[in-house]
């Protein structure tokens, strides 16, 4: 019976490419099913019928290490993004944008407030 290694629902394309490359580089025999057109099936990466338990354990260990490393990288990128936030780099521009949004919101709501009188 085939073994599902990874669901592909909501998996970014770059992560999928990295997982494919990892499994191919490590010589893991796998196949992929694509998500269905109507979203019933999310697709997945599978080990074939003839994969033994040792191969499954090795593939799962590879994926666990990859996902831990990817998680660490994404946390670092997110932290770097917070430090390099455009709000912090250009506070006056950010304040001007916020003020512009408030003015537009006020202009849109004034007619409704006047109609209620």
Foldseek 3Di string as FASTA:
>chain_A
DKDFQFFQAPPDPVVVVVLVVQCVVVVQDWDKDPADPVRPGRITIIHDPPDDPVSVVVSNVSVVVVVVVVVVVVVVVVVVCVVVDPCVVCVVVVVVVVVVVVVVVCVVCVVVVVVVD
